[in-house]
Amino acid sequence: MVANKKVRVYENLRQRIIKGALQPGLPIHEEDFAREMSVSKTPVREALRQLESEGFVENVRGRGSAVSPIRPQDIREVREIREILEVEAAKRAAWQHGNDELRKKREKIRKLLDQGGASDEKVREWGSWEDVHLSIMKAVGNQTLVDIYLGLLDRIERIHNYEHRFRQRQYREILVEHLAVLDAIMDGDAEGAGGILQSHLRNIGMPPTGGFTEPNKQ
């Protein structure tokens, strides 16, 4: 029973942190959340320990738990990891000329663009913007790679929600870039797919330092 309560509290807090309902730096008072979720402090404390091990919560001596901040370095590192993983995945997917899942997504994007695809309604129809990226990772056919990427998605979503990066004027541009990546993959253009995806990742949110720096150019 305690374990079930801990899981419920953990999932509740985790999703609220990822969605931005609990802002970075917000103090977490065990008794407040225990009262809110009608549990004792024990499952809250256990959930906080797990969230701390995952980097979503930090414990400050003398002050207790708080939602972990999102530092410029965190944003930069997540984006660098995405670039390292996703650009290579796009190239490998292109070697195989994609798969049925990517073809279906390409057709969906084309229909959205034909219908004006920048409206909020069409965006909701499309669903998760990261869905295309995940599908490209899956197309490689390496489950370990997919598992690694899935472990990164929560951090990606949290950063997106924190930055409020999507604006109405960006929707169509993002769709166009997704379509260009998928077209290159289906055409078997590995270098084109990798290059377009790299540009896309940089377009959707540059690191605070102004961009990625190649190691030999530092």
Protein backbone atom coordinates (compact mmCIF):
# COMPACT_ATOMS: atom_id res chain seq x y z
CA MET A 1 0.00 0.00 0.00
CA VAL A 2 2.79 2.42 0.91
CA ALA A 3 4.56 1.49 -2.32
CA ASN A 4 1.44 2.28 -4.37
CA LYS A 5 1.09 5.63 -2.64
CA LYS A 6 4.73 6.38 -3.28
CA VAL A 7 4.30 5.62 -7.00
CA ARG A 8 1.21 7.84 -7.16
CA VAL A 9 2.98 10.72 -5.42
CA TYR A 10 6.10 10.23 -7.53
CA GLU A 11 4.19 10.32 -10.83
CA ASN A 12 2.17 13.33 -9.71
CA LEU A 13 5.20 15.39 -8.71
CA ARG A 14 7.27 14.26 -11.68
CA GLN A 15 4.64 15.27 -14.22
CA ARG A 16 4.05 18.61 -12.53
CA ILE A 17 7.78 19.34 -12.61
CA ILE A 18 8.07 18.33 -16.27
CA LYS A 19 4.98 20.32 -17.29
CA GLY A 20 6.24 23.37 -15.41
CA ALA A 21 3.41 23.47 -12.86
CA LEU A 22 6.13 23.22 -10.20
CA GLN A 23 8.67 25.83 -11.22
CA PRO A 24 12.46 25.44 -10.89
CA GLY A 25 13.64 26.46 -7.43
CA LEU A 26 10.23 26.02 -5.79
CA PRO A 27 10.59 24.67 -2.22
CA ILE A 28 8.85 21.35 -1.64
CA HIS A 29 7.31 21.01 1.80
CA GLU A 30 6.55 17.38 2.51
CA GLU A 31 3.62 18.11 4.80
CA ASP A 32 1.91 20.33 2.20
CA PHE A 33 2.07 17.72 -0.54
CA ALA A 34 1.13 14.94 1.88
CA ARG A 35 -1.99 16.86 2.85
CA GLU A 36 -2.81 17.73 -0.76
CA MET A 37 -2.57 14.08 -1.88
CA SER A 38 -4.10 12.61 1.28
CA VAL A 39 -1.07 10.54 2.23
CA SER A 40 1.44 10.50 5.04
CA LYS A 41 4.83 12.15 4.66
CA THR A 42 6.54 8.77 4.12
CA PRO A 43 5.49 8.21 0.47
CA VAL A 44 6.21 11.87 -0.27
CA ARG A 45 9.69 11.54 1.21
CA GLU A 46 10.33 8.35 -0.80
CA ALA A 47 9.09 9.96 -4.01
CA LEU A 48 11.36 12.94 -3.43
CA ARG A 49 14.36 10.65 -3.02
CA GLN A 50 13.65 9.04 -6.38
CA LEU A 51 13.11 12.41 -8.05
CA GLU A 52 16.38 13.61 -6.54
CA SER A 53 18.22 10.61 -8.00
CA GLU A 54 16.77 11.54 -11.42
CA GLY A 55 17.81 15.17 -11.14
CA PHE A 56 14.33 16.69 -10.91
CA VAL A 57 14.63 17.59 -7.22
CA GLU A 58 17.59 18.73 -5.17
CA ASN A 59 18.11 18.68 -1.44
CA VAL A 60 19.72 21.79 0.00
CA ARG A 61 21.20 21.36 3.46
CA GLY A 62 19.27 23.36 6.00
CA ARG A 63 16.54 24.24 3.52
CA GLY A 64 15.08 20.90 2.49
CA SER A 65 13.94 19.81 -0.97
CA ALA A 66 13.27 22.07 -3.92
CA VAL A 67 12.56 21.62 -7.62
CA SER A 68 15.92 21.51 -9.41
CA PRO A 69 16.82 24.64 -11.34
CA ILE A 70 17.28 24.56 -15.10
CA ARG A 71 20.74 25.97 -15.69
CA PRO A 72 22.13 27.22 -19.02
CA GLN A 73 24.58 24.32 -18.88
CA ASP A 74 21.69 21.84 -18.54
CA ILE A 75 19.99 23.27 -21.63
CA ARG A 76 23.21 23.26 -23.62
CA GLU A 77 24.09 19.69 -22.66
CA VAL A 78 20.66 18.30 -23.52
CA ARG A 79 20.79 19.98 -26.90
CA GLU A 80 24.28 18.70 -27.56
CA ILE A 81 23.17 15.15 -26.69
CA ARG A 82 20.20 15.51 -29.03
CA GLU A 83 22.43 16.66 -31.83
CA ILE A 84 24.89 13.82 -31.31
CA LEU A 85 22.16 11.16 -31.24
CA GLU A 86 19.56 12.50 -33.65
CA VAL A 87 21.75 13.64 -36.51
CA GLU A 88 23.43 10.23 -36.73
CA ALA A 89 20.05 8.49 -36.38
CA ALA A 90 18.65 10.52 -39.29
CA LYS A 91 21.59 9.47 -41.45
CA ARG A 92 21.16 5.81 -40.57
CA ALA A 93 17.40 5.99 -41.16
CA ALA A 94 18.13 7.45 -44.60
CA TRP A 95 20.41 4.51 -45.43
CA GLN A 96 17.27 2.38 -45.08
CA HIS A 97 15.03 4.92 -46.89
CA GLY A 98 12.94 5.23 -43.72
CA ASN A 99 10.02 2.97 -42.84
CA ASP A 100 6.21 2.89 -42.91
CA GLU A 101 5.90 4.91 -39.72
CA LEU A 102 7.97 7.77 -41.12
CA ARG A 103 6.06 7.65 -44.40
CA LYS A 104 2.77 8.02 -42.55
CA LYS A 105 4.12 10.95 -40.55
CA ARG A 106 5.36 12.61 -43.72
CA GLU A 107 1.90 12.34 -45.29
CA LYS A 108 0.29 13.70 -42.13
CA ILE A 109 2.59 16.73 -42.18
CA ARG A 110 1.87 17.35 -45.85
CA LYS A 111 -1.87 17.34 -45.17
CA LEU A 112 -1.45 19.72 -42.24
CA LEU A 113 0.59 22.12 -44.36
CA ASP A 114 -1.95 21.94 -47.18
CA GLN A 115 -4.63 22.86 -44.66
CA GLY A 116 -2.66 25.76 -43.26
CA GLY A 117 -1.16 23.64 -40.40
CA ALA A 118 -0.15 26.63 -38.25
CA SER A 119 -3.38 26.89 -36.26
CA ASP A 120 -3.62 25.74 -32.67
CA GLU A 121 -6.32 23.25 -33.68
CA LYS A 122 -4.08 21.60 -36.26
CA VAL A 123 -1.18 21.57 -33.84
CA ARG A 124 -3.31 19.68 -31.32
CA GLU A 125 -4.25 17.22 -34.07
CA TRP A 126 -0.59 16.63 -34.76
CA GLY A 127 0.18 15.79 -31.12
CA SER A 128 3.67 15.71 -29.67
CA TRP A 129 6.27 17.65 -31.61
CA GLU A 130 8.89 15.22 -30.38
CA ASP A 131 6.96 12.34 -31.98
CA VAL A 132 8.77 12.81 -35.31
CA HIS A 133 12.14 12.80 -33.59
CA LEU A 134 11.31 9.64 -31.64
CA SER A 135 10.10 7.94 -34.81
CA ILE A 136 13.41 8.71 -36.51
CA MET A 137 15.24 7.15 -33.59
CA LYS A 138 13.03 4.05 -33.81
CA ALA A 139 13.66 3.75 -37.54
CA VAL A 140 17.31 2.91 -36.87
CA GLY A 141 16.20 -0.43 -35.39
CA ASN A 142 18.30 -0.20 -32.24
CA GLN A 143 16.21 -0.62 -29.09
CA THR A 144 19.04 0.43 -26.78
CA LEU A 145 19.30 3.71 -28.67
CA VAL A 146 15.54 4.21 -28.35
CA ASP A 147 15.68 3.51 -24.61
CA ILE A 148 18.44 6.08 -24.17
CA TYR A 149 16.42 8.64 -26.09
CA LEU A 150 13.25 7.89 -24.14
CA GLY A 151 15.20 8.61 -20.97
CA LEU A 152 16.03 12.03 -22.39
CA LEU A 153 12.50 13.00 -23.47
CA ASP A 154 11.33 14.12 -20.03
CA ARG A 155 14.25 16.53 -19.77
CA ILE A 156 13.57 17.78 -23.30
CA GLU A 157 9.91 18.42 -22.47
CA ARG A 158 10.77 20.15 -19.20
CA ILE A 159 13.17 22.52 -20.95
CA HIS A 160 10.60 23.23 -23.69
CA ASN A 161 7.92 24.04 -21.13
CA TYR A 162 10.33 26.19 -19.14
CA GLU A 163 11.40 28.20 -22.17
CA HIS A 164 7.92 28.52 -23.70
CA ARG A 165 9.73 28.15 -26.97
CA PHE A 166 6.80 27.42 -29.27
CA ARG A 167 5.00 30.46 -30.61
CA GLN A 168 2.18 30.60 -33.13
CA ARG A 169 4.48 31.98 -35.84
CA GLN A 170 6.82 28.99 -35.45
CA TYR A 171 4.36 26.17 -36.01
CA ARG A 172 4.42 26.15 -39.80
CA GLU A 173 8.19 26.59 -39.90
CA ILE A 174 8.68 23.56 -37.64
CA LEU A 175 6.35 21.46 -39.78
CA VAL A 176 8.24 22.46 -42.92
CA GLU A 177 11.55 21.47 -41.32
CA HIS A 178 10.15 18.12 -40.16
CA LEU A 179 8.89 17.47 -43.68
CA ALA A 180 12.28 18.32 -45.19
CA VAL A 181 14.03 15.87 -42.86
CA LEU A 182 11.57 13.10 -43.68
CA ASP A 183 11.82 13.79 -47.41
CA ALA A 184 15.60 13.45 -47.24
CA ILE A 185 15.33 10.22 -45.26
CA MET A 186 12.87 8.70 -47.74
CA ASP A 187 15.11 9.77 -50.63
CA GLY A 188 18.05 7.99 -49.01
CA ASP A 189 19.96 11.27 -48.69
CA ALA A 190 21.89 10.60 -45.48
CA GLU A 191 23.98 13.76 -45.50
CA GLY A 192 20.99 15.90 -46.38
CA ALA A 193 18.86 14.35 -43.63
CA GLY A 194 21.59 14.83 -41.05
CA GLY A 195 22.28 18.39 -42.12
CA ILE A 196 18.63 19.44 -42.14
CA LEU A 197 17.98 17.86 -38.75
CA GLN A 198 21.06 19.51 -37.27
CA SER A 199 19.87 22.88 -38.55
CA HIS A 200 16.38 22.17 -37.22
CA LEU A 201 17.65 21.36 -33.73
CA ARG A 202 19.59 24.60 -33.66
CA ASN A 203 16.64 26.60 -35.01
CA ILE A 204 14.18 25.41 -32.39
CA GLY A 205 16.22 26.83 -29.56
CA MET A 206 19.80 27.98 -29.43
CA PRO A 207 21.83 27.49 -26.26
CA PRO A 208 22.33 30.65 -24.19
CA THR A 209 25.95 30.74 -25.34
CA GLY A 210 24.79 31.39 -28.90
CA GLY A 211 25.33 27.98 -30.43
CA PHE A 212 27.30 24.77 -30.40
CA THR A 213 31.06 25.10 -30.60
CA GLU A 214 33.05 22.41 -32.37
CA PRO A 215 35.72 21.04 -30.01
CA ASN A 216 38.56 21.97 -32.37
CA LYS A 217 37.31 25.53 -32.65
CA GLN A 218 37.29 26.42 -28.99
